[in-house]
Amino acid sequence: MEKAHQLVAARRKSTAVVLGNLTLANIRHRDLDTATSYLHQAISVIERTRAGGGLNLAFAAARELRPWSDRPAVQDVNERLLTLMTP
């Protein structure tokens, strides 16, 4: 997790891709708390950099989180993603 914080501080577009991939890996291991934490971090980077690759991964992660859409943590990241799409 410390590495992720260092990545976010770097503010590079590639950071959003790394965090997006970490999100997907944790979803597939059913570690939703860690997955949503990484996804929040990825969204923060995307908000600053408008990283297209990271955005694609973030939405892919949101699709994989659908089975848990009733969980507040999942609802929070979905709301943040929707906010990204508003002009």
PDB file of N, CA and C in Angstrom:
ATOM      1  N   MET A   1       0.825  -1.185   0.000  1.00  0.00           N
ATOM      2  CA  MET A   1       0.000   0.000   0.000  1.00  0.00           C
ATOM      3  C   MET A   1       0.874   1.255   0.000  1.00  0.00           C
ATOM      4  N   GLU A   2       2.016   1.203   0.666  1.00  0.00           N
ATOM      5  CA  GLU A   2       2.925   2.356   0.697  1.00  0.00           C
ATOM      6  C   GLU A   2       3.400   2.709  -0.701  1.00  0.00           C
ATOM      7  N   LYS A   3       3.682   1.696  -1.511  1.00  0.00           N
ATOM      8  CA  LYS A   3       4.098   1.934  -2.894  1.00  0.00           C
ATOM      9  C   LYS A   3       3.009   2.687  -3.654  1.00  0.00           C
ATOM     10  N   ALA A   4       1.769   2.341  -3.409  1.00  0.00           N
ATOM     11  CA  ALA A   4       0.659   3.017  -4.084  1.00  0.00           C
ATOM     12  C   ALA A   4       0.635   4.493  -3.712  1.00  0.00           C
ATOM     13  N   HIS A   5       0.887   4.794  -2.453  1.00  0.00           N
ATOM     14  CA  HIS A   5       0.909   6.200  -2.033  1.00  0.00           C
ATOM     15  C   HIS A   5       2.033   6.958  -2.729  1.00  0.00           C
ATOM     16  N   GLN A   6       3.173   6.306  -2.916  1.00  0.00           N
ATOM     17  CA  GLN A   6       4.284   6.934  -3.628  1.00  0.00           C
ATOM     18  C   GLN A   6       3.922   7.156  -5.089  1.00  0.00           C
ATOM     19  N   LEU A   7       3.212   6.197  -5.676  1.00  0.00           N
ATOM     20  CA  LEU A   7       2.789   6.342  -7.064  1.00  0.00           C
ATOM     21  C   LEU A   7       1.838   7.516  -7.238  1.00  0.00           C
ATOM     22  N   VAL A   8       0.880   7.637  -6.334  1.00  0.00           N
ATOM     23  CA  VAL A   8      -0.086   8.724  -6.417  1.00  0.00           C
ATOM     24  C   VAL A   8       0.629  10.065  -6.298  1.00  0.00           C
ATOM     25  N   ALA A   9       1.610  10.129  -5.432  1.00  0.00           N
ATOM     26  CA  ALA A   9       2.355  11.375  -5.255  1.00  0.00           C
ATOM     27  C   ALA A   9       3.120  11.747  -6.522  1.00  0.00           C
ATOM     28  N   ALA A  10       3.493  10.757  -7.339  1.00  0.00           N
ATOM     29  CA  ALA A  10       4.251  11.019  -8.566  1.00  0.00           C
ATOM     30  C   ALA A  10       3.418  11.765  -9.606  1.00  0.00           C
ATOM     31  N   ARG A  11       2.096  11.603  -9.569  1.00  0.00           N
ATOM     32  CA  ARG A  11       1.167  12.315 -10.459  1.00  0.00           C
ATOM     33  C   ARG A  11       1.446  12.076 -11.943  1.00  0.00           C
ATOM     34  N   ARG A  12       1.783  10.864 -12.296  1.00  0.00           N
ATOM     35  CA  ARG A  12       2.010  10.553 -13.695  1.00  0.00           C
ATOM     36  C   ARG A  12       0.825   9.762 -14.229  1.00  0.00           C
ATOM     37  N   LYS A  13       0.606   9.893 -15.535  1.00  0.00           N
ATOM     38  CA  LYS A  13      -0.508   9.170 -16.155  1.00  0.00           C
ATOM     39  C   LYS A  13      -0.349   7.664 -15.989  1.00  0.00           C
ATOM     40  N   SER A  14       0.876   7.175 -16.048  1.00  0.00           N
ATOM     41  CA  SER A  14       1.100   5.733 -15.901  1.00  0.00           C
ATOM     42  C   SER A  14       0.696   5.239 -14.519  1.00  0.00           C
ATOM     43  N   THR A  15       0.688   6.121 -13.547  1.00  0.00           N
ATOM     44  CA  THR A  15       0.273   5.752 -12.199  1.00  0.00           C
ATOM     45  C   THR A  15      -1.172   5.268 -12.189  1.00  0.00           C
ATOM     46  N   ALA A  16      -2.026   5.917 -12.943  1.00  0.00           N
ATOM     47  CA  ALA A  16      -3.437   5.513 -12.999  1.00  0.00           C
ATOM     48  C   ALA A  16      -3.565   4.109 -13.575  1.00  0.00           C
ATOM     49  N   VAL A  17      -2.726   3.767 -14.533  1.00  0.00           N
ATOM     50  CA  VAL A  17      -2.753   2.422 -15.127  1.00  0.00           C
ATOM     51  C   VAL A  17      -2.309   1.386 -14.096  1.00  0.00           C
ATOM     52  N   VAL A  18      -1.233   1.675 -13.384  1.00  0.00           N
ATOM     53  CA  VAL A  18      -0.746   0.744 -12.357  1.00  0.00           C
ATOM     54  C   VAL A  18      -1.816   0.537 -11.295  1.00  0.00           C
ATOM     55  N   LEU A  19      -2.403   1.619 -10.816  1.00  0.00           N
ATOM     56  CA  LEU A  19      -3.435   1.509  -9.790  1.00  0.00           C
ATOM     57  C   LEU A  19      -4.680   0.792 -10.310  1.00  0.00           C
ATOM     58  N   GLY A  20      -5.020   1.026 -11.574  1.00  0.00           N
ATOM     59  CA  GLY A  20      -6.145   0.316 -12.171  1.00  0.00           C
ATOM     60  C   GLY A  20      -5.904  -1.182 -12.225  1.00  0.00           C
ATOM     61  N   ASN A  21      -4.692  -1.575 -12.586  1.00  0.00           N
ATOM     62  CA  ASN A  21      -4.355  -2.999 -12.619  1.00  0.00           C
ATOM     63  C   ASN A  21      -4.337  -3.609 -11.226  1.00  0.00           C
ATOM     64  N   LEU A  22      -3.854  -2.861 -10.236  1.00  0.00           N
ATOM     65  CA  LEU A  22      -3.901  -3.341  -8.854  1.00  0.00           C
ATOM     66  C   LEU A  22      -5.347  -3.515  -8.402  1.00  0.00           C
ATOM     67  N   THR A  23      -6.203  -2.595  -8.821  1.00  0.00           N
ATOM     68  CA  THR A  23      -7.625  -2.705  -8.491  1.00  0.00           C
ATOM     69  C   THR A  23      -8.200  -3.994  -9.044  1.00  0.00           C
ATOM     70  N   LEU A  24      -7.954  -4.249 -10.326  1.00  0.00           N
ATOM     71  CA  LEU A  24      -8.498  -5.458 -10.957  1.00  0.00           C
ATOM     72  C   LEU A  24      -7.966  -6.725 -10.294  1.00  0.00           C
ATOM     73  N   ALA A  25      -6.685  -6.744  -9.971  1.00  0.00           N
ATOM     74  CA  ALA A  25      -6.103  -7.923  -9.317  1.00  0.00           C
ATOM     75  C   ALA A  25      -6.773  -8.188  -7.973  1.00  0.00           C
ATOM     76  N   ASN A  26      -7.016  -7.126  -7.213  1.00  0.00           N
ATOM     77  CA  ASN A  26      -7.640  -7.310  -5.902  1.00  0.00           C
ATOM     78  C   ASN A  26      -9.110  -7.694  -6.011  1.00  0.00           C
ATOM     79  N   ILE A  27      -9.803  -7.198  -7.024  1.00  0.00           N
ATOM     80  CA  ILE A  27     -11.189  -7.626  -7.236  1.00  0.00           C
ATOM     81  C   ILE A  27     -11.210  -9.133  -7.501  1.00  0.00           C
ATOM     82  N   ARG A  28     -10.307  -9.585  -8.326  1.00  0.00           N
ATOM     83  CA  ARG A  28     -10.273 -11.003  -8.697  1.00  0.00           C
ATOM     84  C   ARG A  28      -9.864 -11.900  -7.540  1.00  0.00           C
ATOM     85  N   HIS A  29      -9.222 -11.317  -6.525  1.00  0.00           N
ATOM     86  CA  HIS A  29      -8.890 -12.057  -5.303  1.00  0.00           C
ATOM     87  C   HIS A  29      -9.949 -11.846  -4.228  1.00  0.00           C
ATOM     88  N   ARG A  30     -11.015 -11.168  -4.594  1.00  0.00           N
ATOM     89  CA  ARG A  30     -12.153 -10.887  -3.713  1.00  0.00           C
ATOM     90  C   ARG A  30     -11.764 -10.035  -2.506  1.00  0.00           C
ATOM     91  N   ASP A  31     -10.717  -9.215  -2.656  1.00  0.00           N
ATOM     92  CA  ASP A  31     -10.321  -8.278  -1.604  1.00  0.00           C
ATOM     93  C   ASP A  31     -10.894  -6.913  -1.978  1.00  0.00           C
ATOM     94  N   LEU A  32     -12.169  -6.738  -1.675  1.00  0.00           N
ATOM     95  CA  LEU A  32     -12.886  -5.546  -2.118  1.00  0.00           C
ATOM     96  C   LEU A  32     -12.435  -4.275  -1.412  1.00  0.00           C
ATOM     97  N   ASP A  33     -12.041  -4.375  -0.161  1.00  0.00           N
ATOM     98  CA  ASP A  33     -11.582  -3.181   0.547  1.00  0.00           C
ATOM     99  C   ASP A  33     -10.322  -2.620  -0.099  1.00  0.00           C
ATOM    100  N   THR A  34      -9.380  -3.488  -0.378  1.00  0.00           N
ATOM    101  CA  THR A  34      -8.147  -3.035  -1.027  1.00  0.00           C
ATOM    102  C   THR A  34      -8.436  -2.576  -2.444  1.00  0.00           C
ATOM    103  N   ALA A  35      -9.289  -3.295  -3.147  1.00  0.00           N
ATOM    104  CA  ALA A  35      -9.628  -2.932  -4.526  1.00  0.00           C
ATOM    105  C   ALA A  35     -10.248  -1.538  -4.592  1.00  0.00           C
ATOM    106  N   THR A  36     -11.204  -1.264  -3.720  1.00  0.00           N
ATOM    107  CA  THR A  36     -11.843   0.053  -3.770  1.00  0.00           C
ATOM    108  C   THR A  36     -10.882   1.154  -3.319  1.00  0.00           C
ATOM    109  N   SER A  37      -9.963   0.827  -2.428  1.00  0.00           N
ATOM    110  CA  SER A  37      -8.957   1.799  -2.025  1.00  0.00           C
ATOM    111  C   SER A  37      -8.070   2.166  -3.219  1.00  0.00           C
ATOM    112  N   TYR A  38      -7.591   1.162  -3.941  1.00  0.00           N
ATOM    113  CA  TYR A  38      -6.778   1.426  -5.133  1.00  0.00           C
ATOM    114  C   TYR A  38      -7.578   2.177  -6.190  1.00  0.00           C
ATOM    115  N   LEU A  39      -8.845   1.833  -6.328  1.00  0.00           N
ATOM    116  CA  LEU A  39      -9.658   2.500  -7.329  1.00  0.00           C
ATOM    117  C   LEU A  39      -9.854   3.974  -6.975  1.00  0.00           C
ATOM    118  N   HIS A  40     -10.058   4.271  -5.706  1.00  0.00           N
ATOM    119  CA  HIS A  40     -10.148   5.681  -5.292  1.00  0.00           C
ATOM    120  C   HIS A  40      -8.858   6.423  -5.637  1.00  0.00           C
ATOM    121  N   GLN A  41      -7.731   5.773  -5.395  1.00  0.00           N
ATOM    122  CA  GLN A  41      -6.450   6.406  -5.701  1.00  0.00           C
ATOM    123  C   GLN A  41      -6.292   6.614  -7.210  1.00  0.00           C
ATOM    124  N   ALA A  42      -6.707   5.619  -7.988  1.00  0.00           N
ATOM    125  CA  ALA A  42      -6.632   5.743  -9.445  1.00  0.00           C
ATOM    126  C   ALA A  42      -7.499   6.905  -9.925  1.00  0.00           C
ATOM    127  N   ILE A  43      -8.687   7.022  -9.374  1.00  0.00           N
ATOM    128  CA  ILE A  43      -9.588   8.116  -9.760  1.00  0.00           C
ATOM    129  C   ILE A  43      -8.964   9.462  -9.417  1.00  0.00           C
ATOM    130  N   SER A  44      -8.298   9.552  -8.278  1.00  0.00           N
ATOM    131  CA  SER A  44      -7.635  10.804  -7.900  1.00  0.00           C
ATOM    132  C   SER A  44      -6.569  11.189  -8.921  1.00  0.00           C
ATOM    133  N   VAL A  45      -5.815  10.212  -9.386  1.00  0.00           N
ATOM    134  CA  VAL A  45      -4.792  10.487 -10.405  1.00  0.00           C
ATOM    135  C   VAL A  45      -5.460  10.883 -11.722  1.00  0.00           C
ATOM    136  N   ILE A  46      -6.507  10.187 -12.089  1.00  0.00           N
ATOM    137  CA  ILE A  46      -7.222  10.484 -13.342  1.00  0.00           C
ATOM    138  C   ILE A  46      -7.798  11.896 -13.304  1.00  0.00           C
ATOM    139  N   GLU A  47      -8.311  12.304 -12.144  1.00  0.00           N
ATOM    140  CA  GLU A  47      -8.853  13.666 -12.017  1.00  0.00           C
ATOM    141  C   GLU A  47      -7.788  14.717 -12.319  1.00  0.00           C
ATOM    142  N   ARG A  48      -6.551  14.444 -11.930  1.00  0.00           N
ATOM    143  CA  ARG A  48      -5.467  15.409 -12.144  1.00  0.00           C
ATOM    144  C   ARG A  48      -4.858  15.318 -13.532  1.00  0.00           C
ATOM    145  N   THR A  49      -4.766  14.109 -14.087  1.00  0.00           N
ATOM    146  CA  THR A  49      -4.008  13.914 -15.326  1.00  0.00           C
ATOM    147  C   THR A  49      -4.873  13.653 -16.548  1.00  0.00           C
ATOM    148  N   ARG A  50      -6.148  13.289 -16.317  1.00  0.00           N
ATOM    149  CA  ARG A  50      -7.060  12.890 -17.402  1.00  0.00           C
ATOM    150  C   ARG A  50      -6.474  11.722 -18.190  1.00  0.00           C
ATOM    151  N   ALA A  51      -5.869  10.790 -17.482  1.00  0.00           N
ATOM    152  CA  ALA A  51      -5.209   9.625 -18.075  1.00  0.00           C
ATOM    153  C   ALA A  51      -6.235   8.695 -18.719  1.00  0.00           C
ATOM    154  N   GLY A  52      -6.181   8.582 -20.042  1.00  0.00           N
ATOM    155  CA  GLY A  52      -7.146   7.769 -20.777  1.00  0.00           C
ATOM    156  C   GLY A  52      -7.043   6.288 -20.473  1.00  0.00           C
ATOM    157  N   GLY A  53      -5.828   5.754 -20.419  1.00  0.00           N
ATOM    158  CA  GLY A  53      -5.651   4.336 -20.112  1.00  0.00           C
ATOM    159  C   GLY A  53      -6.137   4.002 -18.722  1.00  0.00           C
ATOM    160  N   GLY A  54      -5.854   4.893 -17.790  1.00  0.00           N
ATOM    161  CA  GLY A  54      -6.322   4.693 -16.425  1.00  0.00           C
ATOM    162  C   GLY A  54      -7.833   4.758 -16.336  1.00  0.00           C
ATOM    163  N   LEU A  55      -8.427   5.642 -17.115  1.00  0.00           N
ATOM    164  CA  LEU A  55      -9.883   5.766 -17.131  1.00  0.00           C
ATOM    165  C   LEU A  55     -10.531   4.484 -17.648  1.00  0.00           C
ATOM    166  N   ASN A  56      -9.965   3.916 -18.699  1.00  0.00           N
ATOM    167  CA  ASN A  56     -10.488   2.647 -19.227  1.00  0.00           C
ATOM    168  C   ASN A  56     -10.420   1.544 -18.178  1.00  0.00           C
ATOM    169  N   LEU A  57      -9.307   1.464 -17.467  1.00  0.00           N
ATOM    170  CA  LEU A  57      -9.166   0.440 -16.422  1.00  0.00           C
ATOM    171  C   LEU A  57     -10.111   0.700 -15.259  1.00  0.00           C
ATOM    172  N   ALA A  58     -10.309   1.952 -14.917  1.00  0.00           N
ATOM    173  CA  ALA A  58     -11.222   2.279 -13.822  1.00  0.00           C
ATOM    174  C   ALA A  58     -12.645   1.827 -14.146  1.00  0.00           C
ATOM    175  N   PHE A  59     -13.076   2.055 -15.376  1.00  0.00           N
ATOM    176  CA  PHE A  59     -14.421   1.614 -15.755  1.00  0.00           C
ATOM    177  C   PHE A  59     -14.502   0.096 -15.888  1.00  0.00           C
ATOM    178  N   ALA A  60     -13.416  -0.540 -16.299  1.00  0.00           N
ATOM    179  CA  ALA A  60     -13.390  -2.011 -16.335  1.00  0.00           C
ATOM    180  C   ALA A  60     -13.530  -2.557 -14.914  1.00  0.00           C
ATOM    181  N   ALA A  61     -12.846  -1.925 -13.974  1.00  0.00           N
ATOM    182  CA  ALA A  61     -12.949  -2.345 -12.572  1.00  0.00           C
ATOM    183  C   ALA A  61     -14.376  -2.143 -12.056  1.00  0.00           C
ATOM    184  N   ALA A  62     -14.991  -1.029 -12.412  1.00  0.00           N
ATOM    185  CA  ALA A  62     -16.369  -0.771 -11.975  1.00  0.00           C
ATOM    186  C   ALA A  62     -17.307  -1.857 -12.494  1.00  0.00           C
ATOM    187  N   ARG A  63     -17.084  -2.294 -13.727  1.00  0.00           N
ATOM    188  CA  ARG A  63     -17.920  -3.381 -14.273  1.00  0.00           C
ATOM    189  C   ARG A  63     -17.714  -4.668 -13.462  1.00  0.00           C
ATOM    190  N   GLU A  64     -16.473  -4.950 -13.088  1.00  0.00           N
ATOM    191  CA  GLU A  64     -16.210  -6.173 -12.314  1.00  0.00           C
ATOM    192  C   GLU A  64     -16.729  -6.078 -10.884  1.00  0.00           C
ATOM    193  N   LEU A  65     -16.959  -4.862 -10.405  1.00  0.00           N
ATOM    194  CA  LEU A  65     -17.493  -4.670  -9.058  1.00  0.00           C
ATOM    195  C   LEU A  65     -19.018  -4.753  -9.009  1.00  0.00           C
ATOM    196  N   ARG A  66     -19.670  -4.885 -10.138  1.00  0.00           N
ATOM    197  CA  ARG A  66     -21.146  -4.905 -10.170  1.00  0.00           C
ATOM    198  C   ARG A  66     -21.784  -5.909  -9.219  1.00  0.00           C
ATOM    199  N   PRO A  67     -21.223  -7.116  -9.048  1.00  0.00           N
ATOM    200  CA  PRO A  67     -21.872  -8.055  -8.113  1.00  0.00           C
ATOM    201  C   PRO A  67     -21.957  -7.526  -6.677  1.00  0.00           C
ATOM    202  N   TRP A  68     -21.143  -6.539  -6.344  1.00  0.00           N
ATOM    203  CA  TRP A  68     -21.134  -5.966  -4.999  1.00  0.00           C
ATOM    204  C   TRP A  68     -21.658  -4.540  -4.999  1.00  0.00           C
ATOM    205  N   SER A  69     -22.507  -4.212  -5.945  1.00  0.00           N
ATOM    206  CA  SER A  69     -22.986  -2.830  -6.102  1.00  0.00           C
ATOM    207  C   SER A  69     -23.812  -2.339  -4.912  1.00  0.00           C
ATOM    208  N   ASP A  70     -24.243  -3.244  -4.047  1.00  0.00           N
ATOM    209  CA  ASP A  70     -25.007  -2.839  -2.872  1.00  0.00           C
ATOM    210  C   ASP A  70     -24.111  -2.381  -1.720  1.00  0.00           C
ATOM    211  N   ARG A  71     -22.813  -2.572  -1.846  1.00  0.00           N
ATOM    212  CA  ARG A  71     -21.882  -2.166  -0.787  1.00  0.00           C
ATOM    213  C   ARG A  71     -21.565  -0.673  -0.895  1.00  0.00           C
ATOM    214  N   PRO A  72     -21.546   0.010   0.243  1.00  0.00           N
ATOM    215  CA  PRO A  72     -21.277   1.451   0.219  1.00  0.00           C
ATOM    216  C   PRO A  72     -19.937   1.821  -0.441  1.00  0.00           C
ATOM    217  N   ALA A  73     -18.895   1.039  -0.214  1.00  0.00           N
ATOM    218  CA  ALA A  73     -17.583   1.354  -0.805  1.00  0.00           C
ATOM    219  C   ALA A  73     -17.636   1.301  -2.330  1.00  0.00           C
ATOM    220  N   VAL A  74     -18.387   0.351  -2.855  1.00  0.00           N
ATOM    221  CA  VAL A  74     -18.533   0.222  -4.310  1.00  0.00           C
ATOM    222  C   VAL A  74     -19.387   1.370  -4.841  1.00  0.00           C
ATOM    223  N   GLN A  75     -20.428   1.718  -4.131  1.00  0.00           N
ATOM    224  CA  GLN A  75     -21.266   2.838  -4.540  1.00  0.00           C
ATOM    225  C   GLN A  75     -20.465   4.140  -4.568  1.00  0.00           C
ATOM    226  N   ASP A  76     -19.571   4.310  -3.598  1.00  0.00           N
ATOM    227  CA  ASP A  76     -18.742   5.519  -3.553  1.00  0.00           C
ATOM    228  C   ASP A  76     -17.845   5.643  -4.785  1.00  0.00           C
ATOM    229  N   VAL A  77     -17.179   4.551  -5.164  1.00  0.00           N
ATOM    230  CA  VAL A  77     -16.292   4.655  -6.337  1.00  0.00           C
ATOM    231  C   VAL A  77     -17.106   4.846  -7.610  1.00  0.00           C
ATOM    232  N   ASN A  78     -18.276   4.231  -7.680  1.00  0.00           N
ATOM    233  CA  ASN A  78     -19.124   4.434  -8.861  1.00  0.00           C
ATOM    234  C   ASN A  78     -19.566   5.891  -8.985  1.00  0.00           C
ATOM    235  N   GLU A  79     -19.894   6.508  -7.864  1.00  0.00           N
ATOM    236  CA  GLU A  79     -20.277   7.925  -7.892  1.00  0.00           C
ATOM    237  C   GLU A  79     -19.112   8.798  -8.341  1.00  0.00           C
ATOM    238  N   ARG A  80     -17.917   8.487  -7.863  1.00  0.00           N
ATOM    239  CA  ARG A  80     -16.740   9.266  -8.283  1.00  0.00           C
ATOM    240  C   ARG A  80     -16.488   9.108  -9.782  1.00  0.00           C
ATOM    241  N   LEU A  81     -16.673   7.897 -10.298  1.00  0.00           N
ATOM    242  CA  LEU A  81     -16.487   7.675 -11.731  1.00  0.00           C
ATOM    243  C   LEU A  81     -17.512   8.467 -12.542  1.00  0.00           C
ATOM    244  N   LEU A  82     -18.744   8.487 -12.083  1.00  0.00           N
ATOM    245  CA  LEU A  82     -19.763   9.269 -12.785  1.00  0.00           C
ATOM    246  C   LEU A  82     -19.424  10.757 -12.763  1.00  0.00           C
ATOM    247  N   THR A  83     -18.875  11.220 -11.674  1.00  0.00           N
ATOM    248  CA  THR A  83     -18.471  12.621 -11.566  1.00  0.00           C
ATOM    249  C   THR A  83     -17.373  12.943 -12.558  1.00  0.00           C
ATOM    250  N   LEU A  84     -16.481  11.993 -12.807  1.00  0.00           N
ATOM    251  CA  LEU A  84     -15.425  12.203 -13.799  1.00  0.00           C
ATOM    252  C   LEU A  84     -15.986  12.495 -15.184  1.00  0.00           C
ATOM    253  N   MET A  85     -17.131  11.938 -15.469  1.00  0.00           N
ATOM    254  CA  MET A  85     -17.702  12.062 -16.815  1.00  0.00           C
ATOM    255  C   MET A  85     -18.508  13.340 -17.006  1.00  0.00           C
ATOM    256  N   THR A  86     -18.739  14.081 -15.931  1.00  0.00           N
ATOM    257  CA  THR A  86     -19.465  15.340 -16.093  1.00  0.00           C
ATOM    258  C   THR A  86     -18.501  16.430 -16.517  1.00  0.00           C
ATOM    259  N   PRO A  87     -18.948  17.317 -17.413  1.00  0.00           N
ATOM    260  CA  PRO A  87     -18.035  18.361 -17.922  1.00  0.00           C
ATOM    261  C   PRO A  87     -17.661  19.388 -16.881  1.00  0.00           C
TER     262      PRO A  87
END
